[in-house]
């Protein structure tokens, strides 16, 4: 399975190498890719490691995942429940 993480863009190749090397030490991770242009890290892994564990490792390395989910589920100011 693949887990995708949206992060702030990085242009540093040594940072990219550090991320991939560190993630490869997690049990169950067998591949990964860092898209420096779009700020996306894709990690290929088995169910031996959870997405949360991978996110925690990325955070430990200083890569904060950008939350792309809506901030609130409150209804719109128009009261429409579309």
Foldseek 3Di string as FASTA:
>chain_A
DKDKFAWQADDDPVLVVVLQVQLVVDPFWDDWDADRVRRMIMTHGDPVDDPVNSQVSCVVSPTHGDDPDDPDPDDDPVPDPD
